[in-house]
Amino acid sequence: MTEWSYTVRIWSIRKRPYRKPFQLRWRVGTRPHSESFLTSGLAESRRAQLITATRAGEPFDVDSGLPKSMVQKALDISWYQHARNYIEMKWDHSPATTRRNLAEAMATVTLALVKDTKGMADHRIVRRALYSWAFNANQWNEEPPDDVKAILAWVERKSLPTSALSDRLLVRKALDACARRLDGKATAGTVIARKRAIFHQSLSLAVDAELLTENPIPSVRWKAPEKVEEEIDPECVPAPEQAAALLAAVRGQGARGRHLEAFFGVIYYAACRPGETVGLKLADCELPRRGWGLLRLRESRARSGTAWTDSGEAHDQRGLKHRSRKAVRYVPIPPELVALLRWHITRFGAAPDGRLFRTARGGMVQESGYGEEWARARADALSPSEYASKLAKRPYDLRHAAVSTWLSSGVEPQLVAERAGHSVAVLFRVYAKFLKGGDEAANAKISARLRGHGSHPS
């Protein structure tokens, strides 16, 4: 660990009969230091630097004898290299989807932090090279194509030093890049927030590496052009009768639809995320002939792409979101879903590894496949005006429908959060509008209670 001291004494330059005759001597704390020069001008220049640092109140490194500004300059690296160091630090402990997001954010910021664009290839090609090669640690042991190699060499040559990020205007420039798409239009609010958070964390690493004295982002007065809407829009959420009609419409789509009816049913009745549903296994289902059943959710198999997973498979096998790898979430399921799953198992069985849902060849269910079936089901089940709206636009809206149904049924928010795999804070923030929807019922209960004790004014 670096030891700093403000106790510095600098002596006059002395001349000695050596090859470098002019010697500068100084002391930091109790540690003596010296440096020899060929000319008196060079020696005087270094002495002036040290004196200026002491007058500015800079601490000196006891081991090297240099002021903090000079130590940082010696340690400084390009932003491009720092971004790669950040990716390396995060890689092993990040799921594949997060890795992809990290690469996307670093590619965006790095292109904004170059000295100039002279000799730069097409913007899209450079972004692709950064995203697919420079910031994808899975590719670092592979030899990139010659054109990619040339692009990355240009970026490394043109990249600004990391210490330059102490300039707030430069930080603002990088944040502006996070808010724009390649076509110049504003990026979605959630994407801006995600990129800003990743950029902020990478600058915190720069502080830890002593490349910056502080993280400049909190001091920059910058506002994203697109607001992040965390609350679920009720217009997207189907009512129970609409959800039932959509599931029936999925069943009417032929063989693949009949297979996927239970898939969508798990999302709706158990509030499962699609990735959790893809990984659901027969052994984790309790399906009695009567009454409620139980699902034990252990993992998520979100599709991230073969380039980002350690296994080389398109679906990343991870634990539950924001939970430890061995965590299990227990979700009681109503008789409607129990019957649906029992029929599905009788009709389709399970894959060799126990998965309930699979493609015709036994592979993982793909978003593109079940997305097509869902789009056709919406067209069949919804009216023209409903179909043109945001209602149940994504299968994920079934999960929102489940949570909102539980809340409107009077289930305690703590229990809803536990079953949905949320924290209570996230539940209140994301489903605030549905919680507010219970005001009338709550008011009626309070009024009845007050009347029962004769406290209502006459």
Protein backbone atom coordinates (compact mmCIF):
# COMPACT_ATOMS: atom_id res chain seq x y z
CA MET A 1 0.00 0.00 0.00
CA THR A 2 1.32 3.44 -0.91
CA GLU A 3 2.58 5.52 2.01
CA TRP A 4 2.23 9.27 1.59
CA SER A 5 3.94 12.10 3.45
CA TYR A 6 3.71 15.89 3.44
CA THR A 7 7.11 16.23 5.13
CA VAL A 8 9.42 17.07 2.22
CA ARG A 9 12.83 18.80 2.18
CA ILE A 10 14.58 19.67 -1.08
CA TRP A 11 18.27 20.62 -1.19
CA SER A 12 20.20 22.66 -3.72
CA ILE A 13 21.75 20.96 -6.72
CA ARG A 14 25.34 19.87 -6.32
CA LYS A 15 27.97 19.09 -8.94
CA ARG A 16 30.08 15.93 -8.80
CA PRO A 17 32.82 14.50 -11.06
CA TYR A 18 30.64 11.77 -12.61
CA ARG A 19 29.09 11.08 -16.04
CA LYS A 20 25.88 12.76 -14.83
CA PRO A 21 27.44 15.47 -12.70
CA PHE A 22 24.38 17.41 -11.50
CA GLN A 23 22.66 15.73 -8.54
CA LEU A 24 19.31 16.69 -7.02
CA ARG A 25 18.69 15.49 -3.45
CA TRP A 26 15.51 15.58 -1.39
CA ARG A 27 13.89 13.77 1.51
CA VAL A 28 10.32 12.51 1.99
CA GLY A 29 9.55 11.78 5.62
CA THR A 30 12.76 10.11 6.77
CA ARG A 31 13.57 8.51 3.38
CA PRO A 32 16.35 10.20 1.32
CA HIS A 33 16.11 10.36 -2.50
CA SER A 34 18.39 11.57 -5.27
CA GLU A 35 18.47 11.86 -9.08
CA SER A 36 21.40 12.77 -11.36
CA PHE A 37 21.27 14.70 -14.66
CA LEU A 38 23.59 15.51 -17.56
CA THR A 39 22.91 19.26 -17.42
CA SER A 40 22.13 21.75 -14.72
CA GLY A 41 19.02 22.85 -16.67
CA LEU A 42 17.45 19.38 -16.43
CA ALA A 43 18.26 19.20 -12.73
CA GLU A 44 16.77 22.64 -12.08
CA SER A 45 13.64 21.70 -14.03
CA ARG A 46 13.03 18.60 -11.90
CA ARG A 47 13.73 20.59 -8.71
CA ALA A 48 11.16 23.18 -9.79
CA GLN A 49 8.58 20.41 -10.33
CA LEU A 50 9.10 19.09 -6.82
CA ILE A 51 8.97 22.56 -5.27
CA THR A 52 5.75 23.36 -7.17
CA ALA A 53 4.17 20.15 -5.87
CA THR A 54 5.07 20.98 -2.27
CA ARG A 55 3.63 24.49 -2.61
CA ALA A 56 0.42 23.01 -4.06
CA GLY A 57 0.09 20.86 -0.95
CA GLU A 58 0.53 17.53 -2.75
CA PRO A 59 1.48 14.46 -0.71
CA PHE A 60 4.67 12.63 -1.74
CA ASP A 61 5.13 8.89 -2.11
CA VAL A 62 7.67 7.82 0.51
CA ASP A 63 9.04 4.94 -1.59
CA SER A 64 9.53 6.71 -4.92
CA GLY A 65 9.91 10.20 -3.52
CA LEU A 66 7.58 11.62 -6.17
CA PRO A 67 4.50 13.84 -5.68
CA LYS A 68 1.11 12.21 -6.16
CA SER A 69 0.49 13.85 -9.56
CA MET A 70 3.72 12.37 -10.96
CA VAL A 71 3.01 8.95 -9.46
CA GLN A 72 -0.43 8.90 -11.08
CA LYS A 73 1.02 9.96 -14.42
CA ALA A 74 3.52 7.08 -14.26
CA LEU A 75 0.71 4.63 -13.48
CA ASP A 76 -1.69 6.04 -16.09
CA ILE A 77 -3.01 3.79 -18.84
CA SER A 78 -5.28 4.37 -21.80
CA TRP A 79 -9.04 4.25 -21.30
CA TYR A 80 -9.16 1.33 -23.75
CA GLN A 81 -6.81 -0.71 -21.56
CA HIS A 82 -8.67 0.27 -18.41
CA ALA A 83 -11.98 -0.79 -20.00
CA ARG A 84 -10.49 -4.20 -20.77
CA ASN A 85 -9.23 -4.46 -17.19
CA TYR A 86 -12.75 -3.69 -15.99
CA ILE A 87 -14.24 -6.38 -18.25
CA GLU A 88 -11.67 -8.89 -16.97
CA MET A 89 -12.53 -8.06 -13.34
CA LYS A 90 -16.28 -8.55 -13.92
CA TRP A 91 -16.26 -11.46 -16.37
CA ASP A 92 -15.98 -14.60 -14.25
CA HIS A 93 -18.69 -13.56 -11.80
CA SER A 94 -21.21 -12.22 -14.32
CA PRO A 95 -24.00 -14.13 -16.10
CA ALA A 96 -23.86 -14.16 -19.88
CA THR A 97 -26.51 -11.48 -20.31
CA THR A 98 -24.60 -9.15 -17.98
CA ARG A 99 -21.38 -9.81 -19.92
CA ARG A 100 -23.13 -8.76 -23.09
CA ASN A 101 -24.39 -5.58 -21.42
CA LEU A 102 -20.91 -4.78 -20.10
CA ALA A 103 -19.42 -5.14 -23.57
CA GLU A 104 -22.12 -2.97 -25.11
CA ALA A 105 -21.59 -0.18 -22.57
CA MET A 106 -17.79 -0.25 -22.82
CA ALA A 107 -17.95 -0.20 -26.63
CA THR A 108 -20.20 2.87 -26.50
CA VAL A 109 -18.06 4.79 -24.01
CA THR A 110 -14.70 3.85 -25.54
CA LEU A 111 -15.67 5.24 -28.94
CA ALA A 112 -16.48 8.55 -27.26
CA LEU A 113 -13.11 8.70 -25.49
CA VAL A 114 -10.70 8.95 -28.43
CA LYS A 115 -8.37 11.86 -29.26
CA ASP A 116 -9.82 12.28 -32.74
CA THR A 117 -11.51 10.28 -35.50
CA LYS A 118 -8.82 10.67 -38.16
CA GLY A 119 -8.33 7.33 -39.94
CA MET A 120 -11.33 5.77 -38.23
CA ALA A 121 -13.28 3.02 -40.01
CA ASP A 122 -17.08 3.08 -40.27
CA HIS A 123 -18.59 3.77 -36.86
CA ARG A 124 -20.71 0.62 -36.88
CA ILE A 125 -17.78 -1.60 -37.83
CA VAL A 126 -15.62 -0.17 -35.04
CA ARG A 127 -18.43 -0.62 -32.52
CA ARG A 128 -18.87 -4.24 -33.63
CA ALA A 129 -15.13 -4.94 -33.29
CA LEU A 130 -15.10 -3.52 -29.77
CA TYR A 131 -18.27 -5.34 -28.76
CA SER A 132 -17.41 -8.73 -30.27
CA TRP A 133 -13.64 -8.85 -29.70
CA ALA A 134 -12.13 -6.19 -27.46
CA PHE A 135 -14.69 -6.54 -24.67
CA ASN A 136 -15.62 -10.20 -25.04
CA ALA A 137 -13.16 -12.08 -22.82
CA ASN A 138 -14.17 -15.38 -24.43
CA GLN A 139 -12.44 -14.17 -27.61
CA TRP A 140 -9.18 -13.02 -26.04
CA ASN A 141 -7.42 -16.32 -26.69
CA GLU A 142 -8.47 -16.28 -30.35
CA GLU A 143 -6.63 -14.49 -33.15
CA PRO A 144 -8.93 -11.78 -34.55
CA PRO A 145 -9.22 -11.24 -38.32
CA ASP A 146 -6.76 -8.76 -39.82
CA ASP A 147 -9.40 -6.05 -40.29
CA VAL A 148 -10.52 -6.35 -36.67
CA LYS A 149 -6.92 -6.31 -35.51
CA ALA A 150 -6.29 -3.09 -37.42
CA ILE A 151 -9.41 -1.46 -35.94
CA LEU A 152 -8.46 -2.37 -32.37
CA ALA A 153 -4.92 -1.11 -32.92
CA TRP A 154 -6.39 2.22 -34.07
CA VAL A 155 -8.61 2.43 -30.98
CA GLU A 156 -5.71 1.65 -28.65
CA ARG A 157 -3.55 4.29 -30.36
CA LYS A 158 -6.25 6.97 -30.26
CA SER A 159 -7.66 6.21 -26.80
CA LEU A 160 -7.38 8.99 -24.23
CA PRO A 161 -5.54 8.35 -20.96
CA THR A 162 -7.82 7.31 -18.11
CA SER A 163 -6.65 10.28 -16.03
CA ALA A 164 -8.30 12.56 -18.62
CA LEU A 165 -11.67 11.51 -17.15
CA SER A 166 -11.07 14.01 -14.34
CA ASP A 167 -12.36 16.50 -16.95
CA ARG A 168 -16.12 16.71 -16.36
CA LEU A 169 -16.84 17.82 -19.91
CA LEU A 170 -15.22 14.63 -21.18
CA VAL A 171 -17.36 12.58 -18.81
CA ARG A 172 -20.44 14.42 -20.09
CA LYS A 173 -19.42 13.52 -23.65
CA ALA A 174 -19.29 9.83 -22.70
CA LEU A 175 -22.69 10.06 -20.97
CA ASP A 176 -24.17 11.72 -24.05
CA ALA A 177 -22.91 8.76 -26.10
CA CYS A 178 -24.71 6.39 -23.69
CA ALA A 179 -27.94 8.22 -24.47
CA ARG A 180 -27.73 7.88 -28.28
CA ARG A 181 -28.21 4.98 -30.65
CA LEU A 182 -26.02 4.49 -33.70
CA ASP A 183 -28.57 6.36 -35.81
CA GLY A 184 -28.38 9.37 -33.47
CA LYS A 185 -31.83 8.88 -31.93
CA ALA A 186 -32.37 8.71 -28.17
CA THR A 187 -31.81 5.33 -26.54
CA ALA A 188 -34.49 3.78 -24.32
CA GLY A 189 -34.40 5.01 -20.74
CA THR A 190 -33.58 1.58 -19.31
CA VAL A 191 -30.61 1.20 -21.67
CA ILE A 192 -29.29 4.66 -20.75
CA ALA A 193 -29.57 3.86 -17.05
CA ARG A 194 -27.80 0.54 -17.50
CA LYS A 195 -24.93 2.01 -19.51
CA ARG A 196 -24.53 4.89 -17.07
CA ALA A 197 -24.36 2.47 -14.14
CA ILE A 198 -21.69 0.37 -15.86
CA PHE A 199 -19.68 3.50 -16.77
CA HIS A 200 -19.96 4.69 -13.15
CA GLN A 201 -18.67 1.37 -11.86
CA SER A 202 -15.75 1.37 -14.31
CA LEU A 203 -14.74 4.82 -13.05
CA SER A 204 -14.93 3.55 -9.47
CA LEU A 205 -12.41 0.89 -10.47
CA ALA A 206 -10.20 3.67 -11.87
CA VAL A 207 -10.30 5.32 -8.44
CA ASP A 208 -9.36 2.03 -6.76
CA ALA A 209 -6.47 1.66 -9.23
CA GLU A 210 -5.35 5.22 -8.35
CA LEU A 211 -5.87 6.36 -11.93
CA LEU A 212 -8.38 8.96 -10.71
CA THR A 213 -8.64 10.71 -7.36
CA GLU A 214 -12.46 10.54 -7.33
CA ASN A 215 -15.35 9.31 -9.43
CA PRO A 216 -16.40 12.36 -11.48
CA ILE A 217 -19.92 11.22 -12.44
CA PRO A 218 -21.71 12.40 -9.25
CA SER A 219 -20.30 15.89 -9.86
CA VAL A 220 -21.50 16.09 -13.47
CA ARG A 221 -24.86 17.81 -13.91
CA TRP A 222 -26.24 15.55 -16.59
CA LYS A 223 -29.80 14.37 -17.14
CA ALA A 224 -30.80 11.49 -19.37
CA PRO A 225 -33.13 12.50 -22.24
CA GLU A 226 -35.32 9.44 -21.63
CA LYS A 227 -36.86 8.78 -18.22
CA VAL A 228 -36.75 5.25 -16.84
CA GLU A 229 -40.27 4.06 -16.12
CA GLU A 230 -39.93 1.42 -13.42
CA GLU A 231 -43.64 1.10 -12.68
CA ILE A 232 -45.55 -1.46 -14.70
CA ASP A 233 -48.09 0.10 -17.05
CA PRO A 234 -51.53 -1.40 -16.25
CA GLU A 235 -52.42 -1.18 -19.95
CA CYS A 236 -49.88 -3.94 -20.64
CA VAL A 237 -51.32 -6.35 -18.09
CA PRO A 238 -54.11 -8.73 -19.14
CA ALA A 239 -57.03 -9.37 -16.80
CA PRO A 240 -57.67 -13.00 -15.71
CA GLU A 241 -60.32 -13.56 -18.40
CA GLN A 242 -58.00 -12.12 -21.06
CA ALA A 243 -55.10 -14.29 -19.87
CA ALA A 244 -57.34 -17.37 -20.05
CA ALA A 245 -58.39 -16.45 -23.60
CA LEU A 246 -54.75 -16.00 -24.63
CA LEU A 247 -53.77 -19.40 -23.25
CA ALA A 248 -56.68 -21.00 -25.10
CA ALA A 249 -55.57 -19.24 -28.29
CA VAL A 250 -52.05 -20.63 -27.84
CA ARG A 251 -53.52 -24.13 -27.53
CA GLY A 252 -55.30 -23.58 -30.85
CA GLN A 253 -52.06 -22.91 -32.75
CA GLY A 254 -51.35 -26.56 -33.55
CA ALA A 255 -48.78 -28.99 -32.13
CA ARG A 256 -46.28 -26.36 -31.03
CA GLY A 257 -49.05 -24.29 -29.50
CA ARG A 258 -50.34 -27.27 -27.48
CA HIS A 259 -46.80 -27.83 -26.19
CA LEU A 260 -46.39 -24.16 -25.25
CA GLU A 261 -49.74 -23.70 -23.52
CA ALA A 262 -48.31 -25.03 -20.24
CA PHE A 263 -45.14 -22.98 -20.79
CA PHE A 264 -47.13 -19.76 -20.87
CA GLY A 265 -49.33 -21.13 -18.08
CA VAL A 266 -46.32 -21.41 -15.76
CA ILE A 267 -45.41 -17.78 -16.47
CA TYR A 268 -48.97 -16.67 -15.75
CA TYR A 269 -50.06 -18.82 -12.81
CA ALA A 270 -46.65 -19.01 -11.03
CA ALA A 271 -45.21 -15.60 -12.02
CA CYS A 272 -42.11 -17.30 -13.38
CA ARG A 273 -39.62 -15.47 -15.56
CA PRO A 274 -39.30 -17.05 -19.03
CA GLY A 275 -35.73 -18.15 -18.28
CA GLU A 276 -36.91 -19.90 -15.11
CA THR A 277 -39.67 -21.60 -17.08
CA VAL A 278 -37.22 -22.85 -19.73
CA GLY A 279 -35.19 -24.58 -17.00
CA LEU A 280 -38.15 -26.03 -15.06
CA LYS A 281 -37.77 -29.79 -14.47
CA LEU A 282 -40.30 -32.49 -13.69
CA ALA A 283 -38.55 -33.37 -10.42
CA ASP A 284 -39.22 -29.85 -9.14
CA CYS A 285 -42.99 -30.07 -9.58
CA GLU A 286 -45.46 -31.34 -7.00
CA LEU A 287 -48.71 -32.00 -8.88
CA PRO A 288 -51.39 -33.65 -6.71
CA ARG A 289 -54.62 -34.90 -8.26
CA ARG A 290 -56.58 -32.34 -6.26
CA GLY A 291 -55.84 -28.98 -4.74
CA TRP A 292 -52.80 -26.77 -4.96
CA GLY A 293 -49.39 -27.92 -6.12
CA LEU A 294 -45.87 -26.55 -5.72
CA LEU A 295 -42.97 -25.54 -7.96
CA ARG A 296 -39.38 -25.44 -6.74
CA LEU A 297 -37.46 -22.99 -8.90
CA ARG A 298 -33.69 -23.52 -8.84
CA GLU A 299 -32.19 -22.04 -11.97
CA SER A 300 -32.63 -19.74 -14.94
CA ARG A 301 -31.79 -20.65 -18.54
CA ALA A 302 -31.91 -17.25 -20.20
CA ARG A 303 -30.77 -17.12 -23.81
CA SER A 304 -27.68 -14.92 -24.14
CA GLY A 305 -25.93 -16.24 -27.25
CA THR A 306 -23.06 -18.70 -27.63
CA ALA A 307 -20.43 -15.93 -27.67
CA TRP A 308 -21.08 -14.95 -24.04
CA THR A 309 -21.50 -18.22 -22.14
CA ASP A 310 -18.71 -20.35 -20.68
CA SER A 311 -20.26 -23.53 -22.08
CA GLY A 312 -20.60 -22.24 -25.63
CA GLU A 313 -24.35 -22.94 -25.51
CA ALA A 314 -26.90 -20.28 -26.39
CA HIS A 315 -28.65 -20.54 -22.99
CA ASP A 316 -26.72 -19.61 -19.87
CA GLN A 317 -27.29 -21.89 -16.88
CA ARG A 318 -27.37 -19.72 -13.75
CA GLY A 319 -29.03 -19.56 -10.37
CA LEU A 320 -32.13 -17.51 -9.72
CA LYS A 321 -31.93 -13.79 -10.40
CA HIS A 322 -30.33 -11.82 -7.54
CA ARG A 323 -30.04 -15.01 -5.46
CA SER A 324 -27.19 -17.31 -4.48
CA ARG A 325 -26.42 -20.18 -6.82
CA LYS A 326 -28.07 -22.78 -4.55
CA ALA A 327 -31.13 -20.73 -3.61
CA VAL A 328 -34.57 -22.29 -4.22
CA ARG A 329 -37.82 -20.35 -4.61
CA TYR A 330 -40.99 -22.17 -3.61
CA VAL A 331 -44.13 -21.14 -5.48
CA PRO A 332 -47.53 -22.68 -4.66
CA ILE A 333 -49.56 -23.12 -7.84
CA PRO A 334 -53.37 -23.24 -8.22
CA PRO A 335 -55.30 -26.30 -9.41
CA GLU A 336 -55.65 -24.73 -12.88
CA LEU A 337 -51.90 -24.91 -13.45
CA VAL A 338 -51.61 -28.31 -11.76
CA ALA A 339 -54.12 -29.74 -14.24
CA LEU A 340 -52.39 -28.03 -17.16
CA LEU A 341 -48.98 -29.45 -16.21
CA ARG A 342 -50.35 -32.94 -15.54
CA TRP A 343 -51.90 -32.96 -19.02
CA HIS A 344 -48.65 -31.62 -20.55
CA ILE A 345 -46.58 -34.36 -18.89
CA THR A 346 -49.01 -37.07 -19.97
CA ARG A 347 -48.98 -35.78 -23.55
CA PHE A 348 -45.34 -34.76 -24.01
CA GLY A 349 -43.35 -36.29 -21.15
CA ALA A 350 -40.02 -34.71 -20.24
CA ALA A 351 -36.62 -34.32 -21.87
CA PRO A 352 -33.80 -36.75 -20.89
CA ASP A 353 -32.46 -34.16 -18.42
CA GLY A 354 -35.93 -33.70 -16.90
CA ARG A 355 -36.91 -30.39 -18.57
CA LEU A 356 -40.64 -30.00 -19.19
CA PHE A 357 -40.37 -27.72 -22.20
CA ARG A 358 -38.20 -28.27 -25.28
CA THR A 359 -38.07 -27.88 -29.03
CA ALA A 360 -39.01 -30.64 -31.48
CA ARG A 361 -35.36 -31.77 -31.40
CA GLY A 362 -35.13 -31.67 -27.63
CA GLY A 363 -33.28 -28.36 -27.38
CA MET A 364 -34.00 -25.31 -25.28
CA VAL A 365 -37.19 -23.39 -26.03
CA GLN A 366 -36.23 -20.29 -28.01
CA GLU A 367 -37.62 -16.78 -27.64
CA SER A 368 -38.11 -16.58 -31.40
CA GLY A 369 -40.22 -19.75 -31.36
CA TYR A 370 -42.52 -18.99 -28.46
CA GLY A 371 -42.65 -15.33 -29.49
CA GLU A 372 -44.20 -16.27 -32.84
CA GLU A 373 -46.84 -18.41 -31.15
CA TRP A 374 -47.65 -15.62 -28.71
CA ALA A 375 -48.05 -13.08 -31.51
CA ARG A 376 -50.51 -15.34 -33.33
CA ALA A 377 -52.41 -16.02 -30.10
CA ARG A 378 -52.81 -12.26 -29.48
CA ALA A 379 -54.21 -11.84 -32.98
CA ASP A 380 -56.76 -14.59 -32.35
CA ALA A 381 -57.77 -13.77 -28.77
CA LEU A 382 -57.84 -9.97 -28.70
CA SER A 383 -60.10 -7.47 -30.37
CA PRO A 384 -58.55 -5.26 -33.09
CA SER A 385 -58.23 -2.34 -30.67
CA GLU A 386 -56.70 -4.56 -27.97
CA TYR A 387 -54.33 -6.11 -30.48
CA ALA A 388 -53.13 -2.64 -31.58
CA SER A 389 -52.53 -1.65 -27.94
CA LYS A 390 -49.75 -2.63 -25.52
CA LEU A 391 -51.95 -5.28 -23.91
CA ALA A 392 -49.97 -8.51 -23.35
CA LYS A 393 -47.48 -7.44 -26.00
CA ARG A 394 -44.82 -9.71 -24.52
CA PRO A 395 -45.12 -13.10 -22.81
CA TYR A 396 -43.39 -11.45 -19.84
CA ASP A 397 -46.61 -9.46 -19.30
CA LEU A 398 -48.15 -12.70 -18.06
CA ARG A 399 -45.78 -12.54 -15.08
CA HIS A 400 -46.94 -9.01 -14.38
CA ALA A 401 -50.52 -10.24 -14.63
CA ALA A 402 -49.83 -12.92 -12.02
CA VAL A 403 -48.31 -10.49 -9.53
CA SER A 404 -51.07 -7.92 -10.04
CA THR A 405 -53.72 -10.64 -9.58
CA TRP A 406 -52.14 -11.73 -6.31
CA LEU A 407 -52.00 -8.15 -5.05
CA SER A 408 -55.59 -7.36 -6.05
CA SER A 409 -56.71 -10.56 -4.32
CA GLY A 410 -55.45 -9.19 -1.03
CA VAL A 411 -52.33 -11.35 -0.65
CA GLU A 412 -49.80 -9.71 1.65
CA PRO A 413 -47.11 -7.86 -0.33
CA GLN A 414 -44.33 -9.65 1.58
CA LEU A 415 -45.69 -13.02 0.45
CA VAL A 416 -46.21 -11.81 -3.13
CA ALA A 417 -42.60 -10.58 -3.24
CA GLU A 418 -41.32 -13.91 -1.92
CA ARG A 419 -43.25 -15.95 -4.50
CA ALA A 420 -42.32 -13.65 -7.39
CA GLY A 421 -38.64 -13.54 -6.47
CA HIS A 422 -38.62 -9.80 -5.75
CA SER A 423 -37.56 -7.80 -2.75
CA VAL A 424 -40.45 -5.99 -1.07
CA ALA A 425 -38.88 -2.65 -2.05
CA VAL A 426 -38.86 -3.63 -5.74
CA LEU A 427 -42.43 -4.88 -5.50
CA PHE A 428 -43.64 -1.56 -4.07
CA ARG A 429 -41.68 0.40 -6.67
CA VAL A 430 -42.57 -1.63 -9.76
CA TYR A 431 -46.18 -2.50 -8.92
CA ALA A 432 -47.06 0.78 -7.20
CA LYS A 433 -50.07 1.42 -9.44
CA PHE A 434 -51.59 -1.96 -8.63
CA LEU A 435 -51.04 -1.42 -4.92
CA LYS A 436 -52.79 1.94 -5.21
CA GLY A 437 -55.68 0.21 -6.94
CA GLY A 438 -56.72 -1.30 -3.61
CA ASP A 439 -57.44 2.08 -2.01
CA GLU A 440 -61.23 1.82 -2.29
CA ALA A 441 -61.35 -1.62 -0.70
CA ALA A 442 -58.98 -0.50 2.05
CA ASN A 443 -61.07 2.61 2.73
CA ALA A 444 -64.22 0.53 2.97
CA LYS A 445 -62.59 -1.79 5.52
CA ILE A 446 -61.41 1.16 7.61
CA SER A 447 -64.85 2.79 7.49
CA ALA A 448 -66.52 -0.44 8.58
CA ARG A 449 -64.10 -0.76 11.45
CA LEU A 450 -64.70 2.82 12.58
CA ARG A 451 -68.48 2.45 12.38
CA GLY A 452 -68.28 -0.70 14.45
CA HIS A 453 -66.79 1.30 17.33
CA GLY A 454 -69.20 4.19 17.07
CA SER A 455 -66.55 6.70 16.13
CA HIS A 456 -68.33 7.93 12.97
CA PRO A 457 -69.66 11.51 13.48
CA SER A 458 -73.44 11.88 13.51
